[in-house]
Protein backbone atom coordinates (compact mmCIF):
# COMPACT_ATOMS: atom_id res chain seq x y z
CA UNK A 1 0.00 0.00 0.00
CA UNK A 2 1.43 3.34 -1.09
CA UNK A 3 -0.06 6.56 0.30
CA UNK A 4 1.38 9.93 -0.66
CA UNK A 5 -1.21 12.39 0.62
CA UNK A 6 -4.38 12.78 2.60
CA UNK A 7 -5.54 11.24 5.86
CA UNK A 8 -5.23 7.56 6.79
CA UNK A 9 -7.65 6.24 9.40
CA UNK A 10 -7.99 2.47 9.91
CA UNK A 11 -11.57 1.24 10.22
CA UNK A 12 -14.38 3.20 11.79
CA UNK A 13 -14.10 4.39 15.36
CA UNK A 14 -11.74 2.53 15.67
CA UNK A 15 -10.58 -0.42 13.52
CA UNK A 16 -7.75 -2.45 11.98
CA UNK A 17 -6.49 -1.90 8.43
CA UNK A 18 -4.47 -4.82 6.99
CA UNK A 19 -2.10 -4.48 4.04
CA UNK A 20 1.00 -6.10 2.54
CA UNK A 21 3.87 -3.67 2.00
CA UNK A 22 3.40 -0.18 3.46
CA UNK A 23 4.96 3.06 2.25
CA UNK A 24 3.71 6.32 3.77
CA UNK A 25 4.91 9.65 2.37
CA UNK A 26 4.29 13.11 3.74
CA UNK A 27 1.97 14.96 3.73
CA UNK A 28 -0.17 11.92 4.61
CA UNK A 29 -1.45 11.90 8.21
CA UNK A 30 -1.97 8.66 10.08
CA UNK A 31 -4.82 9.42 12.51
CA UNK A 32 -5.06 6.99 15.42
CA UNK A 33 -8.09 7.00 17.70
CA UNK A 34 -7.35 5.70 21.20
CA UNK A 35 -10.63 4.78 22.88
CA UNK A 36 -9.40 1.74 24.80
CA UNK A 37 -6.53 -0.72 25.14
CA UNK A 38 -7.61 -3.44 22.66
CA UNK A 39 -6.55 -3.12 19.03
CA UNK A 40 -9.47 -2.87 16.62
CA UNK A 41 -12.18 -2.29 19.20
CA UNK A 42 -10.32 0.09 21.51
CA UNK A 43 -7.78 1.77 19.23
CA UNK A 44 -6.78 2.04 15.57
CA UNK A 45 -4.08 -0.25 14.20
CA UNK A 46 -2.29 -0.78 10.90
CA UNK A 47 -1.44 -4.48 10.39
CA UNK A 48 1.37 -4.94 7.86
CA UNK A 49 2.39 -8.26 6.30
CA UNK A 50 5.38 -6.96 4.35
CA UNK A 51 7.90 -4.14 4.46
CA UNK A 52 7.24 -0.91 6.38
CA UNK A 53 8.68 2.43 5.23
CA UNK A 54 7.80 5.76 6.82
CA UNK A 55 8.93 8.78 4.83
CA UNK A 56 8.03 11.50 7.34
CA UNK A 57 4.25 11.13 7.40
CA UNK A 58 2.44 12.99 10.16
CA UNK A 59 0.99 11.21 13.20
CA UNK A 60 -2.16 12.43 14.92
CA UNK A 61 -3.27 10.77 18.16
CA UNK A 62 -6.78 11.34 19.52
CA UNK A 63 -7.51 9.84 22.94
CA UNK A 64 -11.19 9.25 23.61
CA UNK A 65 -10.85 7.72 27.07
CA UNK A 66 -8.93 8.17 30.29
CA UNK A 67 -5.60 6.33 29.81
CA UNK A 68 -3.59 4.80 32.62
CA UNK A 69 0.11 5.38 33.07
CA UNK A 70 1.93 2.64 31.12
CA UNK A 71 -0.91 1.78 28.70
CA UNK A 72 0.60 0.50 25.42
CA UNK A 73 -0.92 0.89 21.97
CA UNK A 74 0.56 -1.06 19.03
CA UNK A 75 -0.57 1.32 16.32
CA UNK A 76 1.49 -0.45 13.63
CA UNK A 77 1.62 -4.22 13.97
CA UNK A 78 4.51 -5.44 11.82
CA UNK A 79 3.84 -9.16 11.28
CA UNK A 80 7.12 -9.88 9.49
CA UNK A 81 10.69 -9.79 10.79
CA UNK A 82 11.49 -6.67 8.75
CA UNK A 83 12.46 -3.59 10.74
CA UNK A 84 10.56 -0.33 10.34
CA UNK A 85 12.53 2.08 8.16
CA UNK A 86 12.15 5.80 8.63
CA UNK A 87 9.90 7.51 11.14
CA UNK A 88 6.93 9.82 11.52
CA UNK A 89 7.68 13.50 10.97
CA UNK A 90 9.56 14.99 13.93
CA UNK A 91 9.22 11.81 15.99
CA UNK A 92 12.49 9.86 16.29
CA UNK A 93 12.78 6.79 18.54
CA UNK A 94 11.70 7.63 22.10
CA UNK A 95 10.12 11.00 21.23
CA UNK A 96 7.03 12.27 23.01
CA UNK A 97 3.78 12.49 21.05
CA UNK A 98 1.44 15.11 22.48
CA UNK A 99 -2.32 15.15 22.25
CA UNK A 100 -3.42 18.24 24.09
CA UNK A 101 -2.03 17.90 27.63
CA UNK A 102 -1.51 14.12 27.34
CA UNK A 103 1.78 12.56 26.28
CA UNK A 104 2.71 9.24 24.66
CA UNK A 105 6.24 7.93 24.01
CA UNK A 106 6.81 6.38 20.59
CA UNK A 107 8.99 3.38 19.78
CA UNK A 108 9.71 1.78 16.42
CA UNK A 109 11.32 -1.28 18.05
CA UNK A 110 8.46 -2.27 20.35
CA UNK A 111 5.94 -5.08 20.50
CA UNK A 112 6.51 -8.82 20.69
CA UNK A 113 8.79 -8.92 17.64
CA UNK A 114 10.76 -5.80 18.45
CA UNK A 115 9.74 -4.12 15.18
CA UNK A 116 6.28 -2.71 15.88
CA UNK A 117 5.38 0.96 16.29
CA UNK A 118 4.14 1.34 19.86
CA UNK A 119 2.80 4.30 21.81
CA UNK A 120 3.13 4.18 25.61
CA UNK A 121 1.13 6.61 27.70
CA UNK A 122 3.58 8.34 30.00
CA UNK A 123 2.30 11.82 30.88
CA UNK A 124 5.66 12.16 32.59
CA UNK A 125 4.92 15.74 33.59
CA UNK A 126 2.33 14.60 36.17
CA UNK A 127 3.06 11.73 38.55
CA UNK A 128 1.84 10.23 41.78
CA UNK A 129 5.14 10.50 43.65
CA UNK A 130 4.28 9.14 47.06
CA UNK A 131 1.59 7.63 49.26
CA UNK A 132 1.69 7.42 53.03
CA UNK A 133 -0.56 6.53 55.94
CA UNK A 134 -1.64 9.83 57.48
CA UNK A 135 -3.55 8.40 60.44
CA UNK A 136 -5.84 5.69 61.67
CA UNK A 137 -4.91 2.04 62.12
CA UNK A 138 -2.88 1.42 65.26
CA UNK A 139 -1.16 4.79 64.90
CA UNK A 140 2.25 3.55 63.76
CA UNK A 141 1.96 5.05 60.25
CA UNK A 142 2.25 1.64 58.58
CA UNK A 143 -0.36 -0.15 56.49
CA UNK A 144 -1.10 -3.48 58.20
CA UNK A 145 -3.76 -6.23 57.96
CA UNK A 146 -7.18 -5.65 59.55
CA UNK A 147 -6.87 -1.86 59.80
CA UNK A 148 -8.78 1.20 58.64
CA UNK A 149 -6.27 3.92 57.72
CA UNK A 150 -6.25 7.43 56.28
CA UNK A 151 -4.14 7.82 53.17
CA UNK A 152 -2.43 10.81 51.57
CA UNK A 153 -1.25 10.65 47.95
CA UNK A 154 1.22 13.21 46.63
CA UNK A 155 0.87 14.41 43.04
CA UNK A 156 3.76 16.23 41.37
CA UNK A 157 3.33 18.68 38.48
CA UNK A 158 6.48 18.64 36.41
CA UNK A 159 4.96 20.54 33.51
CA UNK A 160 5.64 24.16 32.68
CA UNK A 161 2.18 25.43 33.62
CA UNK A 162 0.10 25.35 36.83
CA UNK A 163 -2.31 22.44 37.20
CA UNK A 164 -5.73 23.64 38.28
CA UNK A 165 -9.15 22.16 39.07
CA UNK A 166 -7.77 18.83 40.30
CA UNK A 167 -10.11 16.14 41.64
CA UNK A 168 -8.94 12.54 42.12
CA UNK A 169 -10.60 9.22 42.90
CA UNK A 170 -8.71 6.30 44.44
CA UNK A 171 -9.68 2.69 43.65
CA UNK A 172 -8.09 -0.63 44.70
CA UNK A 173 -6.63 -3.18 42.30
CA UNK A 174 -5.44 -5.65 44.97
CA UNK A 175 -7.81 -8.21 46.55
CA UNK A 176 -8.24 -7.79 50.27
CA UNK A 177 -8.25 -3.99 50.10
CA UNK A 178 -11.20 -1.58 50.00
CA UNK A 179 -11.23 2.20 49.59
CA UNK A 180 -14.11 3.47 51.71
CA UNK A 181 -13.58 7.21 51.15
CA UNK A 182 -12.41 7.48 47.57
CA UNK A 183 -12.70 11.03 46.17
CA UNK A 184 -10.94 14.24 47.13
CA UNK A 185 -10.05 17.58 45.60
CA UNK A 186 -6.45 18.75 45.40
CA UNK A 187 -5.14 22.29 45.66
CA UNK A 188 -3.94 24.00 42.49
CA UNK A 189 -0.39 22.74 41.91
CA UNK A 190 2.22 25.19 40.64
CA UNK A 191 4.68 24.29 37.89
CA UNK A 192 7.27 22.03 39.50
CA UNK A 193 5.21 21.82 42.69
CA UNK A 194 3.53 19.06 44.66
CA UNK A 195 0.05 18.72 46.10
CA UNK A 196 -1.71 16.35 48.53
CA UNK A 197 -5.39 15.46 48.66
CA UNK A 198 -7.32 18.00 50.76
CA UNK A 199 -9.47 15.27 52.34
CA UNK A 200 -7.77 12.00 53.31
CA UNK A 201 -8.62 8.87 51.40
CA UNK A 202 -9.76 6.02 53.66
CA UNK A 203 -8.48 2.51 53.05
CA UNK A 204 -9.43 -0.75 54.78
CA UNK A 205 -7.33 -3.92 54.77
CA UNK A 206 -8.84 -7.34 55.46
CA UNK A 207 -7.54 -9.55 58.31
CA UNK A 208 -6.18 -12.19 55.93
CA UNK A 209 -4.09 -9.80 53.81
CA UNK A 210 -0.50 -11.19 53.92
CA UNK A 211 2.29 -9.06 55.32
CA UNK A 212 4.57 -7.98 52.51
CA UNK A 213 1.74 -7.60 50.00
CA UNK A 214 2.23 -4.86 47.42
CA UNK A 215 -1.08 -2.97 47.44
CA UNK A 216 -1.84 -1.64 43.95
CA UNK A 217 -4.18 1.35 43.69
CA UNK A 218 -5.33 3.52 40.78
CA UNK A 219 -5.59 7.29 41.17
CA UNK A 220 -7.98 8.63 38.53
CA UNK A 221 -7.20 12.32 38.09
CA UNK A 222 -9.44 14.90 36.46
CA UNK A 223 -8.04 18.38 35.83
CA UNK A 224 -9.14 21.58 34.17
CA UNK A 225 -5.74 22.18 32.58
CA UNK A 226 -3.88 18.89 32.04
CA UNK A 227 -6.52 16.47 30.84
CA UNK A 228 -7.82 13.35 32.59
CA UNK A 229 -5.76 10.22 33.26
CA UNK A 230 -5.05 7.45 35.75
CA UNK A 231 -1.84 7.07 37.76
CA UNK A 232 -0.61 3.95 39.61
CA UNK A 233 -0.15 4.16 43.39
CA UNK A 234 1.67 1.49 45.40
CA UNK A 235 1.91 0.77 49.13
CA UNK A 236 3.42 -2.08 51.11
CA UNK A 237 1.71 -3.98 53.88
CA UNK A 238 4.24 -4.00 56.71
CA UNK A 239 7.33 -1.99 57.56
CA UNK A 240 10.20 -2.08 55.03
CA UNK A 241 13.61 -3.18 56.22
CA UNK A 242 16.99 -1.56 55.70
CA UNK A 243 18.54 -0.81 52.32
CA UNK A 244 21.13 -3.27 51.08
CA UNK A 245 23.58 -1.72 48.55
CA UNK A 246 25.04 -3.63 45.62
CA UNK A 247 27.57 -2.21 43.20
CA UNK A 248 29.75 -2.85 40.18
CA UNK A 249 33.45 -2.19 39.78
CA UNK A 250 34.21 1.32 38.60
CA UNK A 251 35.94 1.52 35.24
CA UNK A 252 35.86 2.46 31.58
CA UNK A 253 33.27 0.50 29.60
CA UNK A 254 33.34 0.97 25.80
CA UNK A 255 30.15 1.20 23.76
CA UNK A 256 31.76 -0.29 20.65
CA UNK A 257 28.48 -0.73 18.77
CA UNK A 258 25.22 0.60 20.18
CA UNK A 259 24.91 -1.27 23.49
CA UNK A 260 26.73 -1.94 26.73
CA UNK A 261 25.47 -4.01 29.66
CA UNK A 262 27.00 -4.23 33.14
CA UNK A 263 25.84 -6.83 35.66
CA UNK A 264 25.79 -7.29 39.41
CA UNK A 265 24.85 -10.53 41.19
CA UNK A 266 22.36 -10.06 44.05
CA UNK A 267 21.61 -12.76 46.60
CA UNK A 268 20.43 -13.45 50.11
CA UNK A 269 16.87 -12.15 49.92
CA UNK A 270 14.21 -14.47 51.30
CA UNK A 271 11.33 -11.97 51.27
CA UNK A 272 9.83 -9.93 48.42
CA UNK A 273 11.47 -6.66 47.40
CA UNK A 274 10.00 -3.44 48.72
CA UNK A 275 11.96 -0.79 46.85
CA UNK A 276 14.77 -0.42 44.32
CA UNK A 277 16.80 2.72 43.68
CA UNK A 278 19.76 3.22 41.36
CA UNK A 279 22.68 5.60 41.83
CA UNK A 280 25.50 6.08 39.37
CA UNK A 281 28.28 8.36 38.22
CA UNK A 282 28.59 8.03 34.46
CA UNK A 283 31.18 10.09 32.62
CA UNK A 284 30.22 10.57 28.98
CA UNK A 285 30.47 13.15 26.22
CA UNK A 286 26.85 13.35 25.05
CA UNK A 287 23.99 12.44 27.41
CA UNK A 288 21.32 12.94 24.77
CA UNK A 289 22.78 10.04 22.79
CA UNK A 290 22.21 7.52 25.60
CA UNK A 291 19.34 5.45 27.01
CA UNK A 292 19.81 3.98 30.50
CA UNK A 293 17.76 0.96 31.60
CA UNK A 294 17.71 -1.33 34.63
CA UNK A 295 16.90 -4.99 33.94
CA UNK A 296 15.96 -7.34 36.79
CA UNK A 297 16.77 -11.04 37.10
CA UNK A 298 13.42 -12.04 35.58
CA UNK A 299 13.94 -9.80 32.53
CA UNK A 300 11.76 -6.91 33.70
CA UNK A 301 13.23 -3.78 32.08
CA UNK A 302 12.69 -0.30 33.50
CA UNK A 303 13.85 2.77 31.54
CA UNK A 304 15.76 5.18 33.77
CA UNK A 305 16.53 7.90 31.24
CA UNK A 306 16.07 8.00 27.47
CA UNK A 307 17.84 10.60 25.40
CA UNK A 308 17.81 13.30 28.07
CA UNK A 309 20.47 15.96 28.54
CA UNK A 310 21.04 17.05 24.94
CA UNK A 311 24.72 17.79 24.29
CA UNK A 312 25.46 17.95 28.02
CA UNK A 313 27.92 15.56 29.58
CA UNK A 314 27.77 12.93 32.33
CA UNK A 315 25.30 11.68 34.92
CA UNK A 316 26.56 12.98 38.27
CA UNK A 317 29.79 14.87 38.85
CA UNK A 318 31.72 12.43 41.03
CA UNK A 319 31.36 9.24 43.03
CA UNK A 320 30.16 11.37 45.94
CA UNK A 321 27.74 13.42 43.83
CA UNK A 322 25.88 10.90 41.72
CA UNK A 323 22.62 10.75 39.81
CA UNK A 324 20.08 8.85 41.91
CA UNK A 325 16.95 7.34 40.37
CA UNK A 326 14.17 7.04 42.95
CA UNK A 327 10.50 6.66 42.09
CA UNK A 328 9.60 8.82 45.09
CA UNK A 329 11.61 11.81 43.84
CA UNK A 330 9.79 15.09 43.29
CA UNK A 331 11.41 15.90 39.93
CA UNK A 332 11.51 13.78 36.80
CA UNK A 333 14.74 13.09 34.92
CA UNK A 334 12.99 14.50 31.83
CA UNK A 335 12.88 17.96 33.45
CA UNK A 336 16.51 17.95 34.60
CA UNK A 337 19.68 19.03 32.82
CA UNK A 338 23.13 17.51 32.58
CA UNK A 339 24.97 16.42 34.64
CA UNK A 340 21.82 15.50 36.63
CA UNK A 341 23.52 15.52 40.03
CA UNK A 342 20.90 14.74 42.70
CA UNK A 343 17.80 12.59 42.95
CA UNK A 344 15.38 12.18 40.06
CA UNK A 345 12.29 10.15 39.22
CA UNK A 346 13.10 7.73 36.37
CA UNK A 347 11.05 7.56 33.19
CA UNK A 348 9.90 4.02 34.02
CA UNK A 349 8.41 2.50 37.14
CA UNK A 350 10.99 1.00 39.52
CA UNK A 351 8.00 -0.26 41.50
CA UNK A 352 7.71 -2.91 38.76
CA UNK A 353 10.29 -4.85 40.78
CA UNK A 354 8.16 -4.86 43.94
CA UNK A 355 7.16 -8.28 45.14
CA UNK A 356 9.95 -10.07 43.26
CA UNK A 357 12.48 -12.17 45.17
CA UNK A 358 15.30 -10.11 43.65
CA UNK A 359 18.05 -12.75 43.70
CA UNK A 360 20.10 -13.11 40.53
CA UNK A 361 21.83 -10.87 38.01
CA UNK A 362 20.71 -7.25 37.71
CA UNK A 363 21.87 -5.40 34.61
CA UNK A 364 22.43 -1.75 33.76
CA UNK A 365 21.85 -1.57 30.01
CA UNK A 366 23.18 1.47 28.16
CA UNK A 367 22.07 1.99 24.58
CA UNK A 368 23.53 4.55 22.18
CA UNK A 369 21.25 6.21 19.63
CA UNK A 370 24.19 6.40 17.23
CA UNK A 371 24.69 3.19 15.28
CA UNK A 372 28.31 3.93 14.34
CA UNK A 373 31.24 3.57 16.76
CA UNK A 374 31.49 6.64 18.97
CA UNK A 375 34.51 8.24 20.57
CA UNK A 376 35.43 10.35 23.55
CA UNK A 377 36.94 12.99 21.24
CA UNK A 378 35.61 14.24 17.93
CA UNK A 379 38.96 13.63 16.21
CA UNK A 380 39.03 9.93 17.12
CA UNK A 381 35.99 8.66 15.28
CA UNK A 382 37.33 5.13 14.93
CA UNK A 383 37.78 4.60 18.67
CA UNK A 384 34.82 3.14 20.60
CA UNK A 385 33.62 5.61 23.18
CA UNK A 386 34.44 4.66 26.79
CA UNK A 387 31.81 5.36 29.42
CA UNK A 388 33.05 5.47 33.02
CA UNK A 389 30.46 4.03 35.40
CA UNK A 390 30.07 3.75 39.13
CA UNK A 391 26.70 2.21 39.89
CA UNK A 392 24.92 0.74 42.88
CA UNK A 393 21.40 -0.61 43.15
CA UNK A 394 19.86 -0.33 46.60
CA UNK A 395 17.29 -2.99 47.36
CA UNK A 396 15.02 -3.10 50.38
CA UNK A 397 13.05 -6.11 51.66
CA UNK A 398 9.94 -5.66 53.85
CA UNK A 399 10.03 -6.69 57.49
CA UNK A 400 7.23 -8.63 59.10
CA UNK A 401 4.09 -6.94 60.38
């Protein structure tokens, strides 16, 4: 199928359009309706059974429902092993696609085969950055079985404009948990600021809820300025234990092609993980060329930073002044600037590791956007670029109730 101009909309509100080879030229616009999370009935999809070439066509995304952080939409399902060549206009790998106040991150190497075009709802500018017991229960500030507790959930506005008219509703996704007071207004949240629900949410845990359970909650947020969306909120049943640090040997690690992976072997945990943070000092010549990812023993991959920092150099300034990735941080790595010294919220969800045993090899995967060998100096193009890394993952296991 060759399309050189005009709109392209699969199906009717929404649908799937199947073709053999696909070649899209500008000024054609691929318009994708996102009304749910199932291809064909929830969102538009192109299904291709041949080659895929994108010669700078435009992409228009129209959400018709309230997406949840992390929702994935395979808008181009590439059924062959051929890679996607080219890209949508102005949208390289990892770029943000905006639809009003909502944001989606695009990938041309996504999906089950690693060659689908996938949109992931991120809305990185607004995050639920913390939840804590504000009262009730037995008064110890810890969520435990058979308690009725008051809950505060912190929302951070990392966008460049104030967030106004905020009302949120909390709902449980974990069996054995009920939210008995679910809706509260929030104050207007300034750019870069944080806000907490004006009325406490009320949560009840059943007597049989196991200690160490990761309680998953959804915070559905409606705003007058930033659209409507759902954010994940996580709490642990029981008190977390102490942090246990693990590290790799500091040194120069060359990215000779486009990837480098360092590993650290973690062992000795007999209870599920409660929290994972990553700290590193990485000396490099172009931060914007790098993607940093943490991969757990079971293969779970969490993006820490993707293409941030532009032409700036390094993550951290020394071993004592590192970049720390912590999901509870107030500021996102996407709003920072090189060398990112301090604590930042990663682009992915480190809470994805919660509940895992955690024993085995953890990997820090660094990917270069440049497919040719890179160098530390511009006049040494043939020399693979060395990246100096000092990294430690801190892992915490929950104590008993």
